[in-house]
Amino acid sequence: MTKSFQIAVFDGDGIGPEIMGPTVAILNAMAKKSDAYDLVFTNLPAGAAHYAQTGDGLPAESIRKASKSDAILLSAMGLPDVRYPDGTEISPQIDLRKEFNLFAGVRPVRVVPGGLTPLKMPEGKSIDFVLIRESTEGLFHTQGTGEVTEDYARETLQITRSVSEKLFAFAFNLANDRKAQGRGPGRVTCVDKANVFRSFAYFRGIFDEEAARHPNLTADHAYVDATALWMVQKPWDFDVMVTENMFGDILSDLGAGLMGGLGLAPSADIGLHQAVFQPCHGSAPDIAGEGKANPFAMILSAAMMLEWLGTKHDIAAMLDDAAKIRTAVDAAVANKTSVTADLGGSSTTSQAAAAIELAVT
């Protein structure tokens, strides 16, 4: 029996619509070939351009409809010259994380043989780890409400037990799944700054409580500054890393650099009931409409959506199709065929996406 899924789509700003359109086309083509699942897409308004027109960056009706969907696809959001009165950018992606309690920001980092990386890879080494960023609190807790006076500005970092417990359970379960799939040794690293801040010592303590429930896995700790160093020196040693919101925001971009840039960096923000899938990169308004945007991060984020839905609903065909997308992108990057200029090719956005669609269908 075919199971139908409702997918909420936010086209985004700048290059957002250019990379979302072909991604939806790929998903539609794969779903039409499957007798196991179907996808129904609903476009919803949000973003900086929408704010400039209406004064609302994320309409309540968009939130309501997204809440009733099975998953959310969200393209690059924000425009640097469109801001709230307090000077901050319009960021519906952060609003959605808080609205739906999407506590686990999942940022996979992979470099396959032949893949792009600025590192000199030792013989026999590959990079395949996942950074999990808490996405609802931490130093983002007072976003838009920080205290500012003539003499000082203050933001508040918040760590709560309820969110941290869910975050660490997610991290250890992911490490266990990766170990079962042969993709990792079953190691979870808590990244913090517990030597300086009491809040991070508290964070680490909750991590250790969860670690005790998983004697089959290895748990260890690393300070965030040392982690940044080791991600460059020996990234192949990591399996699953879990950290606070701001630290994760910074380290995920470092991870993207390891695999050739943000154009190859997908992400997911996952809660107990809902999930958002989006590329890590920005809206790049300077190249919008020129056909130069790399669609692969958006396409790989769609693959993460298929994998999440397939796992949640036990639909093997969705897992297979997610793997097909990743394999097709890996091959294109390794062979430098039908890739955009940032990856060393000369293809347009639509040409690069069309090559992936052809490979998976």
Protein backbone atom coordinates (compact mmCIF):
# COMPACT_ATOMS: atom_id res chain seq x y z
CA MET A 1 0.00 0.00 0.00
CA THR A 2 1.29 3.44 -0.93
CA LYS A 3 1.68 5.83 2.00
CA SER A 4 1.24 9.53 1.23
CA PHE A 5 3.22 12.24 3.01
CA GLN A 6 2.41 15.94 3.21
CA ILE A 7 5.54 18.06 2.76
CA ALA A 8 5.55 21.77 3.65
CA VAL A 9 7.86 23.76 1.35
CA PHE A 10 9.43 27.14 2.06
CA ASP A 11 11.13 28.41 -1.10
CA GLY A 12 13.35 30.86 0.74
CA ASP A 13 15.14 34.02 -0.37
CA GLY A 14 17.86 34.82 -2.91
CA ILE A 15 18.92 31.56 -4.54
CA GLY A 16 16.38 29.68 -2.42
CA PRO A 17 13.73 29.14 -5.10
CA GLU A 18 16.39 28.18 -7.69
CA ILE A 19 17.62 25.24 -5.61
CA MET A 20 14.25 24.24 -4.17
CA GLY A 21 12.48 23.89 -7.53
CA PRO A 22 14.74 21.15 -8.96
CA THR A 23 14.93 19.43 -5.58
CA VAL A 24 11.16 19.05 -5.45
CA ALA A 25 11.27 17.83 -9.07
CA ILE A 26 13.73 15.08 -8.09
CA LEU A 27 11.60 14.02 -5.13
CA ASN A 28 8.46 14.02 -7.28
CA ALA A 29 10.13 11.88 -9.94
CA MET A 30 11.33 9.34 -7.37
CA ALA A 31 7.97 9.19 -5.61
CA LYS A 32 6.11 8.65 -8.88
CA LYS A 33 8.28 5.62 -9.61
CA SER A 34 7.59 4.13 -6.19
CA ASP A 35 4.59 2.10 -5.14
CA ALA A 36 5.60 2.45 -1.47
CA TYR A 37 5.24 6.17 -0.93
CA ASP A 38 3.87 9.39 -2.40
CA LEU A 39 4.77 13.01 -1.65
CA VAL A 40 2.37 15.95 -1.73
CA PHE A 41 4.02 19.39 -1.60
CA THR A 42 2.46 22.60 -0.26
CA ASN A 43 4.30 25.90 -0.70
CA LEU A 44 4.10 28.28 2.26
CA PRO A 45 5.19 31.95 2.49
CA ALA A 46 8.01 33.10 4.79
CA GLY A 47 11.38 34.83 4.66
CA ALA A 48 13.01 38.21 4.30
CA ALA A 49 11.38 39.09 0.97
CA HIS A 50 7.98 38.23 2.44
CA TYR A 51 8.78 40.40 5.47
CA ALA A 52 9.76 43.31 3.21
CA GLN A 53 6.38 43.04 1.48
CA THR A 54 4.12 42.32 4.44
CA GLY A 55 5.99 43.05 7.68
CA ASP A 56 5.73 39.37 8.67
CA GLY A 57 8.69 37.00 8.25
CA LEU A 58 6.80 33.86 9.26
CA PRO A 59 2.99 34.11 9.07
CA ALA A 60 0.94 32.28 11.68
CA GLU A 61 -0.92 30.45 8.91
CA SER A 62 2.38 29.11 7.56
CA ILE A 63 3.25 27.81 11.02
CA ARG A 64 -0.18 26.21 11.37
CA LYS A 65 0.02 24.40 8.03
CA ALA A 66 3.63 23.36 8.60
CA SER A 67 2.65 21.87 11.96
CA LYS A 68 0.21 19.56 10.21
CA SER A 69 2.73 18.37 7.61
CA ASP A 70 4.78 15.19 7.85
CA ALA A 71 8.04 17.05 7.18
CA ILE A 72 9.27 20.50 6.21
CA LEU A 73 11.64 21.38 3.36
CA LEU A 74 13.14 24.81 3.82
CA SER A 75 15.51 26.55 1.44
CA ALA A 76 18.04 29.30 2.16
CA MET A 77 16.46 32.15 4.11
CA GLY A 78 17.35 35.76 4.83
CA LEU A 79 18.63 38.83 2.99
CA PRO A 80 21.42 40.96 4.50
CA ASP A 81 19.72 44.26 3.69
CA VAL A 82 16.33 43.25 5.15
CA ARG A 83 16.35 43.34 8.94
CA TYR A 84 14.13 43.74 11.96
CA PRO A 85 14.17 47.15 13.69
CA ASP A 86 16.73 45.83 16.24
CA GLY A 87 19.21 45.15 13.42
CA THR A 88 18.95 41.34 13.37
CA GLU A 89 18.15 39.39 10.21
CA ILE A 90 14.87 37.70 9.41
CA SER A 91 15.42 34.02 10.25
CA PRO A 92 12.28 31.86 10.03
CA GLN A 93 14.47 28.75 10.27
CA ILE A 94 15.34 29.64 13.88
CA ASP A 95 11.72 30.52 14.63
CA LEU A 96 10.60 27.10 13.36
CA ARG A 97 13.16 25.32 15.53
CA LYS A 98 11.77 27.01 18.62
CA GLU A 99 8.11 26.72 17.55
CA PHE A 100 8.35 22.94 17.03
CA ASN A 101 11.03 22.22 19.68
CA LEU A 102 13.48 20.92 17.09
CA PHE A 103 16.25 20.34 19.61
CA ALA A 104 18.59 18.19 17.47
CA GLY A 105 20.38 19.99 14.65
CA VAL A 106 21.96 17.24 12.58
CA ARG A 107 24.95 18.21 10.42
CA PRO A 108 26.58 15.25 8.60
CA VAL A 109 30.17 15.67 7.42
CA ARG A 110 31.36 13.21 4.76
CA VAL A 111 34.32 13.10 2.44
CA VAL A 112 34.25 10.06 0.18
CA PRO A 113 37.18 8.88 -1.97
CA GLY A 114 37.65 11.47 -4.68
CA GLY A 115 35.60 14.02 -2.78
CA LEU A 116 36.57 17.62 -2.29
CA THR A 117 38.54 18.57 0.82
CA PRO A 118 41.32 21.04 1.56
CA LEU A 119 42.98 18.41 3.74
CA LYS A 120 45.71 16.03 2.71
CA MET A 121 44.01 12.75 3.54
CA PRO A 122 46.22 9.94 4.87
CA GLU A 123 46.10 6.66 2.97
CA GLY A 124 43.05 4.62 3.90
CA LYS A 125 41.32 7.42 5.83
CA SER A 126 37.87 8.85 5.15
CA ILE A 127 35.68 11.36 6.93
CA ASP A 128 32.20 10.38 8.04
CA PHE A 129 30.90 11.94 11.23
CA VAL A 130 27.79 13.74 12.43
CA LEU A 131 27.70 16.96 14.43
CA ILE A 132 24.56 17.33 16.52
CA ARG A 133 23.84 20.90 17.53
CA GLU A 134 21.24 21.68 20.15
CA SER A 135 18.99 24.06 18.24
CA THR A 136 16.53 25.72 20.60
CA GLU A 137 18.43 27.27 23.51
CA GLY A 138 22.09 27.78 24.46
CA LEU A 139 23.42 31.21 23.50
CA PHE A 140 20.47 31.64 21.10
CA HIS A 141 18.08 31.62 24.09
CA THR A 142 17.57 35.39 24.15
CA GLN A 143 17.57 35.90 20.39
CA GLY A 144 15.74 39.17 19.73
CA THR A 145 15.30 39.92 23.44
CA GLY A 146 18.87 40.50 24.64
CA GLU A 147 19.49 43.47 26.92
CA VAL A 148 21.16 46.46 25.28
CA THR A 149 21.98 49.78 26.93
CA GLU A 150 24.28 52.65 26.05
CA ASP A 151 27.07 51.07 28.09
CA TYR A 152 26.71 47.31 27.59
CA ALA A 153 24.89 44.51 25.80
CA ARG A 154 23.96 41.16 27.33
CA GLU A 155 22.68 37.85 26.00
CA THR A 156 21.84 34.89 28.24
CA LEU A 157 23.00 31.32 27.60
CA GLN A 158 20.47 28.77 28.82
CA ILE A 159 20.91 25.01 29.27
CA THR A 160 17.91 23.03 30.53
CA ARG A 161 17.74 19.44 31.70
CA SER A 162 14.59 18.65 29.71
CA VAL A 163 16.12 19.67 26.38
CA SER A 164 19.58 18.26 27.14
CA GLU A 165 18.21 14.85 28.08
CA LYS A 166 16.37 14.57 24.75
CA LEU A 167 19.42 15.85 22.87
CA PHE A 168 21.81 13.32 24.40
CA ALA A 169 19.37 10.43 23.99
CA PHE A 170 19.14 11.36 20.29
CA ALA A 171 22.95 11.46 19.98
CA PHE A 172 23.52 8.07 21.57
CA ASN A 173 20.71 6.47 19.57
CA LEU A 174 22.24 7.85 16.36
CA ALA A 175 25.68 6.50 17.32
CA ASN A 176 24.12 3.12 17.99
CA ASP A 177 22.41 3.12 14.59
CA ARG A 178 25.62 4.15 12.83
CA LYS A 179 27.51 1.37 14.59
CA ALA A 180 24.90 -1.19 13.51
CA GLN A 181 25.24 0.06 9.91
CA GLY A 182 29.03 -0.19 10.02
CA ARG A 183 29.43 3.57 9.58
CA GLY A 184 31.03 4.36 12.94
CA PRO A 185 32.65 2.77 15.99
CA GLY A 186 29.84 3.82 18.33
CA ARG A 187 31.48 6.86 19.89
CA VAL A 188 29.78 10.01 21.18
CA THR A 189 31.82 13.10 22.03
CA CYS A 190 30.37 15.88 24.18
CA VAL A 191 31.83 19.21 23.03
CA ASP A 192 31.69 21.95 25.65
CA LYS A 193 33.67 24.51 27.66
CA ALA A 194 33.15 22.91 31.06
CA ASN A 195 36.54 24.05 32.33
CA VAL A 196 35.32 27.68 32.37
CA PHE A 197 31.52 27.82 32.49
CA ARG A 198 29.28 26.23 35.11
CA SER A 199 26.51 25.91 32.52
CA PHE A 200 28.71 23.61 30.44
CA ALA A 201 29.75 21.58 33.48
CA TYR A 202 26.00 21.07 34.02
CA PHE A 203 25.61 20.15 30.31
CA ARG A 204 28.45 17.62 30.63
CA GLY A 205 26.94 16.10 33.76
CA ILE A 206 23.66 15.35 31.96
CA PHE A 207 25.64 13.87 29.07
CA ASP A 208 27.43 11.51 31.48
CA GLU A 209 24.08 10.37 32.91
CA GLU A 210 22.91 9.39 29.42
CA ALA A 211 26.24 7.77 28.59
CA ALA A 212 25.82 5.42 31.56
CA ARG A 213 22.70 4.03 29.88
CA HIS A 214 24.71 2.94 26.82
CA PRO A 215 27.55 0.68 28.02
CA ASN A 216 27.92 -0.68 24.47
CA LEU A 217 29.02 2.74 23.23
CA THR A 218 32.07 4.89 23.95
CA ALA A 219 31.50 8.32 25.48
CA ASP A 220 34.13 11.03 25.82
CA HIS A 221 34.51 14.80 26.18
CA ALA A 222 36.32 17.56 24.30
CA TYR A 223 36.60 21.30 24.81
CA VAL A 224 35.28 23.26 21.85
CA ASP A 225 38.59 24.99 21.07
CA ALA A 226 40.44 21.66 21.00
CA THR A 227 37.67 20.18 18.87
CA ALA A 228 38.15 22.88 16.23
CA LEU A 229 41.83 21.93 16.09
CA TRP A 230 41.17 18.19 15.89
CA MET A 231 38.52 18.62 13.21
CA VAL A 232 41.35 19.86 11.00
CA GLN A 233 44.10 17.57 12.24
CA LYS A 234 42.22 14.27 12.57
CA PRO A 235 38.55 14.53 11.56
CA TRP A 236 38.46 10.81 10.71
CA ASP A 237 38.58 10.05 14.45
CA PHE A 238 35.12 11.50 15.12
CA ASP A 239 31.82 9.60 14.96
CA VAL A 240 29.01 11.57 16.64
CA MET A 241 29.63 14.94 18.30
CA VAL A 242 27.01 16.74 20.36
CA THR A 243 27.24 20.35 21.51
CA GLU A 244 25.51 23.59 22.46
CA ASN A 245 23.74 25.81 19.92
CA MET A 246 26.38 28.49 19.24
CA PHE A 247 29.31 26.07 19.34
CA GLY A 248 27.43 23.86 16.89
CA ASP A 249 26.68 26.81 14.63
CA ILE A 250 30.40 27.54 14.31
CA LEU A 251 31.70 23.97 14.12
CA SER A 252 29.15 22.98 11.46
CA ASP A 253 30.63 25.56 9.09
CA LEU A 254 34.10 24.18 9.81
CA GLY A 255 32.72 20.76 8.97
CA ALA A 256 31.35 22.12 5.70
CA GLY A 257 34.82 23.44 4.89
CA LEU A 258 36.28 19.98 5.39
CA MET A 259 34.07 18.57 2.64
CA GLY A 260 34.54 21.28 0.07
CA GLY A 261 32.22 24.06 1.16
CA LEU A 262 28.68 24.91 2.17
CA GLY A 263 27.42 23.85 -1.25
CA LEU A 264 27.71 20.24 -0.07
CA ALA A 265 26.43 20.75 3.47
CA PRO A 266 22.90 19.50 4.23
CA SER A 267 21.19 19.67 7.58
CA ALA A 268 18.14 18.66 9.56
CA ASP A 269 16.55 20.05 12.70
CA ILE A 270 14.66 17.25 14.39
CA GLY A 271 12.25 17.11 17.31
CA LEU A 272 10.04 14.43 18.78
CA HIS A 273 7.26 15.00 16.23
CA GLN A 274 8.47 17.28 13.43
CA ALA A 275 11.61 17.97 11.41
CA VAL A 276 12.93 20.67 9.07
CA PHE A 277 15.43 19.91 6.31
CA GLN A 278 17.50 22.68 4.76
CA PRO A 279 20.94 23.47 3.31
CA CYS A 280 23.49 25.01 5.68
CA HIS A 281 24.40 27.82 3.30
CA GLY A 282 22.86 31.27 3.01
CA SER A 283 20.69 32.84 0.35
CA ALA A 284 23.58 34.32 -1.71
CA PRO A 285 21.55 37.21 -3.18
CA ASP A 286 24.61 38.35 -5.16
CA ILE A 287 24.22 35.38 -7.53
CA ALA A 288 20.44 34.96 -7.38
CA GLY A 289 18.89 34.46 -10.81
CA GLU A 290 22.21 33.76 -12.52
CA GLY A 291 22.07 29.95 -12.50
CA LYS A 292 25.31 29.71 -10.53
CA ALA A 293 23.96 28.29 -7.27
CA ASN A 294 25.01 24.79 -6.22
CA PRO A 295 21.83 22.74 -5.60
CA PHE A 296 23.55 19.78 -3.96
CA ALA A 297 23.18 20.86 -0.31
CA MET A 298 19.43 21.28 -0.85
CA ILE A 299 19.20 17.95 -2.66
CA LEU A 300 21.18 16.18 0.08
CA SER A 301 18.88 17.75 2.68
CA ALA A 302 15.95 16.22 0.79
CA ALA A 303 17.73 12.86 1.01
CA MET A 304 17.93 13.34 4.78
CA MET A 305 14.17 13.95 4.77
CA LEU A 306 13.52 10.71 2.90
CA GLU A 307 15.75 8.85 5.34
CA TRP A 308 14.02 10.35 8.36
CA LEU A 309 10.53 9.58 7.04
CA GLY A 310 11.59 6.11 5.90
CA THR A 311 13.04 5.28 9.31
CA LYS A 312 10.10 6.74 11.20
CA HIS A 313 7.51 4.89 9.13
CA ASP A 314 9.56 1.77 8.32
CA ILE A 315 9.51 2.27 4.54
CA ALA A 316 12.62 0.69 3.04
CA ALA A 317 12.00 2.27 -0.38
CA MET A 318 12.49 5.75 1.10
CA LEU A 319 15.79 4.69 2.66
CA ASP A 320 16.88 3.25 -0.68
CA ASP A 321 15.97 6.43 -2.54
CA ALA A 322 17.85 8.55 0.00
CA ALA A 323 20.92 6.39 -0.57
CA LYS A 324 20.53 6.76 -4.35
CA ILE A 325 20.62 10.55 -4.05
CA ARG A 326 23.75 10.52 -1.90
CA THR A 327 25.47 8.08 -4.25
CA ALA A 328 24.61 10.21 -7.28
CA VAL A 329 25.92 13.39 -5.65
CA ASP A 330 29.08 11.63 -4.46
CA ALA A 331 29.75 10.39 -8.00
CA ALA A 332 29.17 13.81 -9.55
CA VAL A 333 31.54 15.48 -7.08
CA ALA A 334 34.23 12.83 -7.41
CA ASN A 335 34.09 12.83 -11.21
CA LYS A 336 33.51 16.61 -11.45
CA THR A 337 30.76 15.93 -13.98
CA SER A 338 27.72 18.20 -14.12
CA VAL A 339 28.81 20.27 -11.14
CA THR A 340 28.69 24.03 -10.60
CA ALA A 341 31.68 26.36 -10.61
CA ASP A 342 32.26 26.18 -6.84
CA LEU A 343 33.02 22.47 -7.29
CA GLY A 344 35.27 22.96 -10.29
CA GLY A 345 32.67 22.52 -13.03
CA SER A 346 30.78 24.68 -15.46
CA SER A 347 27.20 23.44 -15.09
CA THR A 348 24.30 25.69 -14.22
CA THR A 349 22.07 25.05 -11.23
CA SER A 350 19.43 23.36 -13.37
CA GLN A 351 21.99 21.26 -15.27
CA ALA A 352 23.60 19.99 -12.07
CA ALA A 353 20.21 19.08 -10.60
CA ALA A 354 19.02 17.48 -13.84
CA ALA A 355 22.07 15.18 -13.82
CA ILE A 356 21.17 13.97 -10.35
CA GLU A 357 17.55 13.42 -11.36
CA LEU A 358 18.67 11.39 -14.36
CA ALA A 359 20.99 9.28 -12.18
CA VAL A 360 18.32 8.44 -9.58
CA THR A 361 15.36 7.85 -11.87
